[in-house]
Structure formats: structure tokens, C-alpha cells
PDB file of N, CA and C in Angstrom:
ATOM      1  N   ALA A   1     161.525  79.922 -17.572  1.00  0.00           N
ATOM      2  CA  ALA A   1     161.890  79.082 -17.989  1.00  0.00           C
ATOM      3  C   ALA A   1     161.415  77.993 -18.981  1.00  0.00           C
ATOM      4  N   GLY A   2     159.807  78.497 -19.146  1.00  0.00           N
ATOM      5  CA  GLY A   2     158.993  77.416 -19.725  1.00  0.00           C
ATOM      6  C   GLY A   2     159.404  77.898 -21.625  1.00  0.00           C
ATOM      7  N   THR A   3     159.170  79.537 -21.052  1.00  0.00           N
ATOM      8  CA  THR A   3     160.048  80.384 -22.716  1.00  0.00           C
ATOM      9  C   THR A   3     160.851  80.232 -23.234  1.00  0.00           C
ATOM     10  N   LEU A   4     162.294  80.358 -22.194  1.00  0.00           N
ATOM     11  CA  LEU A   4     163.374  79.423 -22.740  1.00  0.00           C
ATOM     12  C   LEU A   4     164.214  78.818 -22.597  1.00  0.00           C
ATOM     13  N   GLY A   5     163.299  77.910 -22.095  1.00  0.00           N
ATOM     14  CA  GLY A   5     163.621  76.275 -22.549  1.00  0.00           C
ATOM     15  C   GLY A   5     163.802  75.687 -24.023  1.00  0.00           C
ATOM     16  N   SER A   6     163.266  75.990 -24.549  1.00  0.00           N
ATOM     17  CA  SER A   6     163.188  75.694 -26.294  1.00  0.00           C
ATOM     18  C   SER A   6     164.423  76.555 -27.166  1.00  0.00           C
ATOM     19  N   ARG A   7     165.057  77.403 -26.138  1.00  0.00           N
ATOM     20  CA  ARG A   7     166.094  77.270 -27.045  1.00  0.00           C
ATOM     21  C   ARG A   7     167.825  77.609 -26.247  1.00  0.00           C
ATOM     22  N   ASN A   8     166.950  76.365 -25.987  1.00  0.00           N
ATOM     23  CA  ASN A   8     168.487  75.923 -24.753  1.00  0.00           C
ATOM     24  C   ASN A   8     169.129  76.878 -23.903  1.00  0.00           C
ATOM     25  N   ILE A   9     168.304  77.569 -23.297  1.00  0.00           N
ATOM     26  CA  ILE A   9     169.190  78.284 -21.916  1.00  0.00           C
ATOM     27  C   ILE A   9     167.993  77.713 -20.590  1.00  0.00           C
ATOM     28  N   THR A  10     168.954  77.951 -19.538  1.00  0.00           N
ATOM     29  CA  THR A  10     168.065  77.273 -18.866  1.00  0.00           C
ATOM     30  C   THR A  10     168.547  78.203 -17.137  1.00  0.00           C
ATOM     31  N   VAL A  11     166.786  78.452 -16.450  1.00  0.00           N
ATOM     32  CA  VAL A  11     166.956  79.666 -15.925  1.00  0.00           C
ATOM     33  C   VAL A  11     166.388  79.150 -14.262  1.00  0.00           C
ATOM     34  N   ASN A  12     166.926  79.159 -13.712  1.00  0.00           N
ATOM     35  CA  ASN A  12     167.153  78.934 -11.757  1.00  0.00           C
ATOM     36  C   ASN A  12     167.800  79.910 -10.821  1.00  0.00           C
ATOM     37  N   THR A  13     167.219  79.400 -10.172  1.00  0.00           N
ATOM     38  CA  THR A  13     167.058  80.990  -8.702  1.00  0.00           C
ATOM     39  C   THR A  13     168.442  79.791  -7.924  1.00  0.00           C
ATOM     40  N   LEU A  14     169.864  80.839  -7.290  1.00  0.00           N
ATOM     41  CA  LEU A  14     169.764  80.625  -6.018  1.00  0.00           C
ATOM     42  C   LEU A  14     168.997  80.615  -4.326  1.00  0.00           C
ATOM     43  N   CYS A  15     168.699  80.519  -3.423  1.00  0.00           N
ATOM     44  CA  CYS A  15     167.914  81.455  -2.660  1.00  0.00           C
ATOM     45  C   CYS A  15     169.371  80.641  -1.818  1.00  0.00           C
ATOM     46  N   PRO A  16     170.322  81.765  -1.051  1.00  0.00           N
ATOM     47  CA  PRO A  16     170.897  81.018  -0.180  1.00  0.00           C
ATOM     48  C   PRO A  16     170.949  81.540   1.100  1.00  0.00           C
ATOM     49  N   GLY A  17     171.162  80.896   2.175  1.00  0.00           N
ATOM     50  CA  GLY A  17     170.860  81.069   3.791  1.00  0.00           C
ATOM     51  C   GLY A  17     171.895  81.925   3.771  1.00  0.00           C
ATOM     52  N   PRO A  18     172.439  81.955   5.649  1.00  0.00           N
ATOM     53  CA  PRO A  18     172.634  82.638   6.227  1.00  0.00           C
ATOM     54  C   PRO A  18     174.403  82.578   6.052  1.00  0.00           C
ATOM     55  N   PHE A  19     174.833  83.886   4.652  1.00  0.00           N
ATOM     56  CA  PHE A  19     176.269  84.138   4.168  1.00  0.00           C
ATOM     57  C   PHE A  19     176.446  85.672   5.195  1.00  0.00           C
ATOM     58  N   MET A  20     177.935  85.257   4.995  1.00  0.00           N
ATOM     59  CA  MET A  20     178.340  86.808   5.807  1.00  0.00           C
ATOM     60  C   MET A  20     177.990  87.571   4.441  1.00  0.00           C
ATOM     61  N   SER A  21     177.663  88.524   4.565  1.00  0.00           N
ATOM     62  CA  SER A  21     177.254  90.312   3.946  1.00  0.00           C
ATOM     63  C   SER A  21     177.133  91.215   4.676  1.00  0.00           C
ATOM     64  N   ARG A  22     176.735  92.205   4.417  1.00  0.00           N
ATOM     65  CA  ARG A  22     176.991  93.272   4.371  1.00  0.00           C
ATOM     66  C   ARG A  22     175.510  93.288   5.337  1.00  0.00           C
ATOM     67  N   ILE A  23     174.350  92.943   5.061  1.00  0.00           N
ATOM     68  CA  ILE A  23     173.256  92.846   5.446  1.00  0.00           C
ATOM     69  C   ILE A  23     173.290  91.879   7.559  1.00  0.00           C
ATOM     70  N   ILE A  24     173.776  90.520   6.829  1.00  0.00           N
ATOM     71  CA  ILE A  24     173.663  89.835   8.591  1.00  0.00           C
ATOM     72  C   ILE A  24     175.441  90.102   9.128  1.00  0.00           C
ATOM     73  N   ARG A  25     176.142  90.516   8.657  1.00  0.00           N
ATOM     74  CA  ARG A  25     176.939  91.527   9.323  1.00  0.00           C
ATOM     75  C   ARG A  25     176.576  92.260  10.836  1.00  0.00           C
ATOM     76  N   GLY A  26     175.876  93.834  10.087  1.00  0.00           N
ATOM     77  CA  GLY A  26     175.342  93.457  11.320  1.00  0.00           C
ATOM     78  C   GLY A  26     174.420  93.261  12.431  1.00  0.00           C
ATOM     79  N   MET A  27     173.550  92.883  11.937  1.00  0.00           N
ATOM     80  CA  MET A  27     173.097  91.104  12.918  1.00  0.00           C
ATOM     81  C   MET A  27     174.037  90.654  13.801  1.00  0.00           C
ATOM     82  N   VAL A  28     175.165  90.536  13.098  1.00  0.00           N
ATOM     83  CA  VAL A  28     175.805  89.678  14.118  1.00  0.00           C
ATOM     84  C   VAL A  28     177.259  89.807  14.650  1.00  0.00           C
ATOM     85  N   LYS A  29     177.768  91.052  14.353  1.00  0.00           N
ATOM     86  CA  LYS A  29     178.115  92.131  15.198  1.00  0.00           C
ATOM     87  C   LYS A  29     177.842  92.315  16.562  1.00  0.00           C
ATOM     88  N   GLU A  30     176.076  92.559  15.834  1.00  0.00           N
ATOM     89  CA  GLU A  30     175.052  92.766  16.993  1.00  0.00           C
ATOM     90  C   GLU A  30     175.283  91.563  17.916  1.00  0.00           C
ATOM     91  N   GLU A  31     173.930  90.482  17.992  1.00  0.00           N
ATOM     92  CA  GLU A  31     174.327  89.594  18.501  1.00  0.00           C
ATOM     93  C   GLU A  31     174.506  88.217  18.755  1.00  0.00           C
ATOM     94  N   GLY A  32     175.922  88.265  17.657  1.00  0.00           N
ATOM     95  CA  GLY A  32     176.991  86.738  17.767  1.00  0.00           C
ATOM     96  C   GLY A  32     176.268  86.269  16.510  1.00  0.00           C
ATOM     97  N   PRO A  33     176.820  85.598  16.109  1.00  0.00           N
ATOM     98  CA  PRO A  33     176.407  84.286  15.032  1.00  0.00           C
ATOM     99  C   PRO A  33     175.916  83.414  15.599  1.00  0.00           C
ATOM    100  N   GLU A  34     175.924  82.796  16.777  1.00  0.00           N
ATOM    101  CA  GLU A  34     174.989  82.119  16.897  1.00  0.00           C
ATOM    102  C   GLU A  34     174.032  81.569  16.547  1.00  0.00           C
ATOM    103  N   HIS A  35     173.021  82.204  16.914  1.00  0.00           N
ATOM    104  CA  HIS A  35     171.435  82.774  16.353  1.00  0.00           C
ATOM    105  C   HIS A  35     171.647  82.391  15.075  1.00  0.00           C
ATOM    106  N   LEU A  36     172.284  82.824  14.225  1.00  0.00           N
ATOM    107  CA  LEU A  36     171.941  81.931  12.893  1.00  0.00           C
ATOM    108  C   LEU A  36     172.452  80.744  12.490  1.00  0.00           C
ATOM    109  N   VAL A  37     174.084  79.943  13.089  1.00  0.00           N
ATOM    110  CA  VAL A  37     174.196  79.035  12.848  1.00  0.00           C
ATOM    111  C   VAL A  37     173.429  77.934  13.497  1.00  0.00           C
ATOM    112  N   ASP A  38     172.659  78.100  14.856  1.00  0.00           N
ATOM    113  CA  ASP A  38     172.348  77.423  15.212  1.00  0.00           C
ATOM    114  C   ASP A  38     170.723  77.207  14.038  1.00  0.00           C
ATOM    115  N   ALA A  39     170.478  77.572  13.717  1.00  0.00           N
ATOM    116  CA  ALA A  39     169.538  77.619  12.761  1.00  0.00           C
ATOM    117  C   ALA A  39     169.582  77.086  11.548  1.00  0.00           C
ATOM    118  N   THR A  40     171.196  76.038  11.726  1.00  0.00           N
ATOM    119  CA  THR A  40     171.139  75.216   9.713  1.00  0.00           C
ATOM    120  C   THR A  40     170.852  74.313  10.701  1.00  0.00           C
ATOM    121  N   ALA A  41     170.633  73.548  10.066  1.00  0.00           N
ATOM    122  CA  ALA A  41     171.216  71.664  10.143  1.00  0.00           C
ATOM    123  C   ALA A  41     172.481  71.178  10.069  1.00  0.00           C
ATOM    124  N   LEU A  42     173.671  71.970   8.893  1.00  0.00           N
ATOM    125  CA  LEU A  42     174.986  71.720   8.583  1.00  0.00           C
ATOM    126  C   LEU A  42     175.851  72.785  10.319  1.00  0.00           C
ATOM    127  N   SER A  43     174.812  73.453  11.108  1.00  0.00           N
ATOM    128  CA  SER A  43     175.627  74.689  12.099  1.00  0.00           C
ATOM    129  C   SER A  43     176.531  75.197  11.796  1.00  0.00           C
ATOM    130  N   ARG A  44     176.544  76.464  10.789  1.00  0.00           N
ATOM    131  CA  ARG A  44     178.020  76.735  10.106  1.00  0.00           C
ATOM    132  C   ARG A  44     176.690  78.030   9.022  1.00  0.00           C
ATOM    133  N   MET A  45     177.856  79.543   9.208  1.00  0.00           N
ATOM    134  CA  MET A  45     177.522  80.103   8.834  1.00  0.00           C
ATOM    135  C   MET A  45     177.758  79.577   6.638  1.00  0.00           C
ATOM    136  N   GLY A  46     177.319  79.617   5.600  1.00  0.00           N
ATOM    137  CA  GLY A  46     177.766  80.025   4.314  1.00  0.00           C
ATOM    138  C   GLY A  46     178.847  80.078   3.984  1.00  0.00           C
ATOM    139  N   ARG A  47     179.728  79.688   3.088  1.00  0.00           N
ATOM    140  CA  ARG A  47     180.950  80.228   2.788  1.00  0.00           C
ATOM    141  C   ARG A  47     180.551  80.411   0.786  1.00  0.00           C
ATOM    142  N   PRO A  48     181.705  81.130   0.840  1.00  0.00           N
ATOM    143  CA  PRO A  48     181.863  81.844  -0.789  1.00  0.00           C
ATOM    144  C   PRO A  48     181.598  80.431  -1.341  1.00  0.00           C
ATOM    145  N   ASP A  49     182.530  79.216  -1.215  1.00  0.00           N
ATOM    146  CA  ASP A  49     182.545  77.963  -2.134  1.00  0.00           C
ATOM    147  C   ASP A  49     181.657  77.782  -2.247  1.00  0.00           C
ATOM    148  N   ASP A  50     180.525  77.833  -1.172  1.00  0.00           N
ATOM    149  CA  ASP A  50     179.353  77.275  -1.103  1.00  0.00           C
ATOM    150  C   ASP A  50     178.929  77.292  -2.239  1.00  0.00           C
ATOM    151  N   ILE A  51     178.190  79.065  -2.246  1.00  0.00           N
ATOM    152  CA  ILE A  51     177.628  79.248  -3.473  1.00  0.00           C
ATOM    153  C   ILE A  51     178.511  79.216  -5.146  1.00  0.00           C
ATOM    154  N   ALA A  52     179.773  78.728  -4.678  1.00  0.00           N
ATOM    155  CA  ALA A  52     180.669  79.080  -6.284  1.00  0.00           C
ATOM    156  C   ALA A  52     180.433  77.759  -6.870  1.00  0.00           C
ATOM    157  N   GLY A  53     180.015  76.885  -5.586  1.00  0.00           N
ATOM    158  CA  GLY A  53     179.367  75.687  -5.679  1.00  0.00           C
ATOM    159  C   GLY A  53     178.588  74.949  -6.446  1.00  0.00           C
ATOM    160  N   ALA A  54     177.562  75.844  -6.500  1.00  0.00           N
ATOM    161  CA  ALA A  54     176.217  75.987  -6.684  1.00  0.00           C
ATOM    162  C   ALA A  54     176.209  76.451  -8.241  1.00  0.00           C
ATOM    163  N   CYS A  55     176.713  77.402  -8.243  1.00  0.00           N
ATOM    164  CA  CYS A  55     177.212  78.492  -9.358  1.00  0.00           C
ATOM    165  C   CYS A  55     177.295  77.305 -10.879  1.00  0.00           C
ATOM    166  N   LEU A  56     178.321  77.200 -10.409  1.00  0.00           N
ATOM    167  CA  LEU A  56     179.478  76.159 -11.407  1.00  0.00           C
ATOM    168  C   LEU A  56     178.868  74.860 -11.846  1.00  0.00           C
ATOM    169  N   PHE A  57     178.003  74.162 -11.057  1.00  0.00           N
ATOM    170  CA  PHE A  57     176.773  73.491 -10.919  1.00  0.00           C
ATOM    171  C   PHE A  57     176.253  73.200 -11.977  1.00  0.00           C
ATOM    172  N   LEU A  58     175.167  74.662 -12.087  1.00  0.00           N
ATOM    173  CA  LEU A  58     174.544  75.115 -12.544  1.00  0.00           C
ATOM    174  C   LEU A  58     174.592  75.821 -14.680  1.00  0.00           C
ATOM    175  N   SER A  59     175.912  75.947 -14.283  1.00  0.00           N
ATOM    176  CA  SER A  59     176.357  76.445 -15.539  1.00  0.00           C
ATOM    177  C   SER A  59     177.344  75.577 -16.172  1.00  0.00           C
ATOM    178  N   SER A  60     177.253  73.651 -15.644  1.00  0.00           N
ATOM    179  CA  SER A  60     178.299  73.319 -16.235  1.00  0.00           C
ATOM    180  C   SER A  60     177.436  72.123 -17.109  1.00  0.00           C
ATOM    181  N   ARG A  61     177.721  71.325 -17.187  1.00  0.00           N
ATOM    182  CA  ARG A  61     177.222  70.483 -18.307  1.00  0.00           C
ATOM    183  C   ARG A  61     176.365  69.338 -17.535  1.00  0.00           C
ATOM    184  N   ALA A  62     176.875  68.661 -16.144  1.00  0.00           N
ATOM    185  CA  ALA A  62     176.397  68.562 -15.424  1.00  0.00           C
ATOM    186  C   ALA A  62     174.604  69.408 -15.147  1.00  0.00           C
ATOM    187  N   GLY A  63     174.804  70.636 -14.904  1.00  0.00           N
ATOM    188  CA  GLY A  63     173.645  71.195 -14.506  1.00  0.00           C
ATOM    189  C   GLY A  63     172.316  71.571 -15.714  1.00  0.00           C
ATOM    190  N   SER A  64     173.054  70.605 -16.908  1.00  0.00           N
ATOM    191  CA  SER A  64     172.234  71.054 -17.994  1.00  0.00           C
ATOM    192  C   SER A  64     170.999  71.217 -18.230  1.00  0.00           C
ATOM    193  N   TYR A  65     170.224  69.760 -17.766  1.00  0.00           N
ATOM    194  CA  TYR A  65     169.041  68.939 -17.898  1.00  0.00           C
ATOM    195  C   TYR A  65     168.200  70.246 -16.222  1.00  0.00           C
ATOM    196  N   VAL A  66     168.804  70.992 -15.502  1.00  0.00           N
ATOM    197  CA  VAL A  66     168.173  71.671 -14.610  1.00  0.00           C
ATOM    198  C   VAL A  66     168.312  73.099 -15.087  1.00  0.00           C
ATOM    199  N   THR A  67     165.904  73.011 -14.819  1.00  0.00           N
ATOM    200  CA  THR A  67     166.145  73.632 -15.267  1.00  0.00           C
ATOM    201  C   THR A  67     164.319  74.783 -14.613  1.00  0.00           C
ATOM    202  N   GLY A  68     164.333  75.938 -14.008  1.00  0.00           N
ATOM    203  CA  GLY A  68     162.521  76.140 -13.138  1.00  0.00           C
ATOM    204  C   GLY A  68     163.027  75.851 -11.972  1.00  0.00           C
ATOM    205  N   THR A  69     164.077  75.421 -11.702  1.00  0.00           N
ATOM    206  CA  THR A  69     164.405  74.984  -9.801  1.00  0.00           C
ATOM    207  C   THR A  69     164.887  76.333  -9.025  1.00  0.00           C
ATOM    208  N   GLU A  70     163.950  76.426  -8.035  1.00  0.00           N
ATOM    209  CA  GLU A  70     165.155  76.815  -6.558  1.00  0.00           C
ATOM    210  C   GLU A  70     165.990  76.318  -5.669  1.00  0.00           C
ATOM    211  N   PHE A  71     167.359  76.675  -6.018  1.00  0.00           N
ATOM    212  CA  PHE A  71     168.303  76.274  -5.394  1.00  0.00           C
ATOM    213  C   PHE A  71     168.361  76.867  -3.583  1.00  0.00           C
ATOM    214  N   ALA A  72     168.716  75.916  -2.623  1.00  0.00           N
ATOM    215  CA  ALA A  72     168.588  76.399  -1.185  1.00  0.00           C
ATOM    216  C   ALA A  72     169.700  76.060  -1.223  1.00  0.00           C
ATOM    217  N   VAL A  73     170.527  77.392  -0.955  1.00  0.00           N
ATOM    218  CA  VAL A  73     171.983  77.056  -0.731  1.00  0.00           C
ATOM    219  C   VAL A  73     171.664  77.434   1.110  1.00  0.00           C
ATOM    220  N   ASP A  74     171.776  76.973   1.655  1.00  0.00           N
ATOM    221  CA  ASP A  74     171.076  77.543   3.470  1.00  0.00           C
ATOM    222  C   ASP A  74     171.542  76.634   4.213  1.00  0.00           C
ATOM    223  N   GLY A  75     172.328  75.839   3.939  1.00  0.00           N
ATOM    224  CA  GLY A  75     172.830  74.711   5.092  1.00  0.00           C
ATOM    225  C   GLY A  75     171.555  73.891   5.861  1.00  0.00           C
ATOM    226  N   GLY A  76     170.568  73.716   5.403  1.00  0.00           N
ATOM    227  CA  GLY A  76     169.547  73.142   5.792  1.00  0.00           C
ATOM    228  C   GLY A  76     169.142  74.295   6.433  1.00  0.00           C
ATOM    229  N   SER A  77     168.926  75.366   6.496  1.00  0.00           N
ATOM    230  CA  SER A  77     167.937  76.323   7.565  1.00  0.00           C
ATOM    231  C   SER A  77     166.523  76.111   7.011  1.00  0.00           C
ATOM    232  N   LEU A  78     166.064  75.209   5.806  1.00  0.00           N
ATOM    233  CA  LEU A  78     164.515  75.235   6.281  1.00  0.00           C
ATOM    234  C   LEU A  78     164.211  74.102   6.972  1.00  0.00           C
ATOM    235  N   ILE A  79     165.253  73.012   6.304  1.00  0.00           N
ATOM    236  CA  ILE A  79     164.651  71.789   7.518  1.00  0.00           C
ATOM    237  C   ILE A  79     164.736  72.055   8.957  1.00  0.00           C
ATOM    238  N   ALA A  80     166.452  72.585   9.276  1.00  0.00           N
ATOM    239  CA  ALA A  80     165.706  72.565  10.341  1.00  0.00           C
ATOM    240  C   ALA A  80     164.829  73.826  11.054  1.00  0.00           C
ATOM    241  N   ARG A  81     164.438  74.466  10.882  1.00  0.00           N
ATOM    242  CA  ARG A  81     163.513  74.621  11.764  1.00  0.00           C
ATOM    243  C   ARG A  81     161.885  73.896  11.276  1.00  0.00           C
ATOM    244  N   ALA A  82     161.687  73.252  10.532  1.00  0.00           N
ATOM    245  CA  ALA A  82     160.726  72.230  10.189  1.00  0.00           C
ATOM    246  C   ALA A  82     160.140  70.796  11.602  1.00  0.00           C
ATOM    247  N   PRO A  83     159.416  70.991  11.587  1.00  0.00           N
ATOM    248  CA  PRO A  83     159.007  69.801  12.485  1.00  0.00           C
ATOM    249  C   PRO A  83     159.791  68.800  12.446  1.00  0.00           C
ATOM    250  N   MET A  84     160.539  68.140  13.184  1.00  0.00           N
ATOM    251  CA  MET A  84     160.377  66.385  12.621  1.00  0.00           C
ATOM    252  C   MET A  84     159.374  65.415  12.774  1.00  0.00           C
ATOM    253  N   PRO A  85     158.651  65.056  12.156  1.00  0.00           N
ATOM    254  CA  PRO A  85     157.743  63.946  11.958  1.00  0.00           C
ATOM    255  C   PRO A  85     157.716  63.308  12.752  1.00  0.00           C
ATOM    256  N   LYS A  86     156.323  62.761  13.412  1.00  0.00           N
ATOM    257  CA  LYS A  86     156.299  62.049  14.635  1.00  0.00           C
ATOM    258  C   LYS A  86     156.724  60.343  14.063  1.00  0.00           C
ATOM    259  N   LYS A  87     157.117  59.742  15.309  1.00  0.00           N
ATOM    260  CA  LYS A  87     157.586  58.040  15.068  1.00  0.00           C
ATOM    261  C   LYS A  87     156.489  57.456  14.500  1.00  0.00           C
ATOM    262  N   ARG A  88     155.557  56.956  13.282  1.00  0.00           N
ATOM    263  CA  ARG A  88     154.797  56.387  13.126  1.00  0.00           C
ATOM    264  C   ARG A  88     154.406  54.168  14.233  1.00  0.00           C
ATOM    265  N   ASP A  89     153.239  54.620  14.860  1.00  0.00           N
ATOM    266  CA  ASP A  89     153.480  53.677  15.651  1.00  0.00           C
ATOM    267  C   ASP A  89     152.845  52.061  15.086  1.00  0.00           C
ATOM    268  N   GLN A  90     154.350  51.423  15.569  1.00  0.00           N
ATOM    269  CA  GLN A  90     154.509  50.389  14.728  1.00  0.00           C
ATOM    270  C   GLN A  90     153.312  49.241  14.516  1.00  0.00           C
ATOM    271  N   ASN A  91     152.396  49.472  15.551  1.00  0.00           N
ATOM    272  CA  ASN A  91     151.528  48.576  15.693  1.00  0.00           C
ATOM    273  C   ASN A  91     149.942  48.905  14.268  1.00  0.00           C
ATOM    274  N   ALA A  92     150.400  50.206  13.861  1.00  0.00           N
ATOM    275  CA  ALA A  92     149.830  50.949  13.277  1.00  0.00           C
ATOM    276  C   ALA A  92     149.757  49.738  12.198  1.00  0.00           C
ATOM    277  N   SER A  93     148.350  50.113  10.803  1.00  0.00           N
ATOM    278  CA  SER A  93     148.436  48.981  10.379  1.00  0.00           C
ATOM    279  C   SER A  93     148.754  50.103   8.714  1.00  0.00           C
ATOM    280  N   LYS A  94     149.326  48.979   8.058  1.00  0.00           N
ATOM    281  CA  LYS A  94     150.076  49.979   6.993  1.00  0.00           C
ATOM    282  C   LYS A  94     149.180  50.225   5.888  1.00  0.00           C
ATOM    283  N   LEU A  95     148.921  51.043   4.957  1.00  0.00           N
ATOM    284  CA  LEU A  95     147.969  51.264   4.112  1.00  0.00           C
ATOM    285  C   LEU A  95     148.966  51.036   2.584  1.00  0.00           C
TER     286      LEU A  95
END
């Protein structure tokens, strides 16, 4: 991205989460889709239009100032597995 930016070429990466594919199809056939769906914040598998939308954004004028990024198109898989922060004690002093 750094090298190609001077030539107005943007470089980004799409990081798909659970989408029905040849790799996932076998896992879903054996274990069912529930374990994949439950691991996303949106509680569903990705659809082709989810990836298409990200591609359209990045290739359009709207994405022309986006470069060097990793786009997680994963239905919130990353955040769904992250531990929730503990509620802050309201009596604690503010910094």
C-alpha cells in the first residue's frame, strides 16, 4: 500500500468469516451450521452479497481513500469471541 499509493493504487485485504464454501461445506455437513452461526455477532453465515458489497465499496469512489486496511467481513466473528469488558464501578474516580 505504501509503495503503490503514490501511483493512486489502493491495496486492501478482505478477511472473510464463515461463508458457505467448499472448505466450510464439509464442516457444516458433519457438524451443522450452528457452531459457526453462534460464533458471529449477527448469528448467521455470510452471503455472497456481503462480500460483493465490500468489494463494491473498495472499488468505488467511496473507498478511494481507504488503503492498507484489513476488512473483516465476518459478521462480527472477531468481536463475538472477545471477552466483554467489565462494567466500570460508578464510584471509581475518573481519570
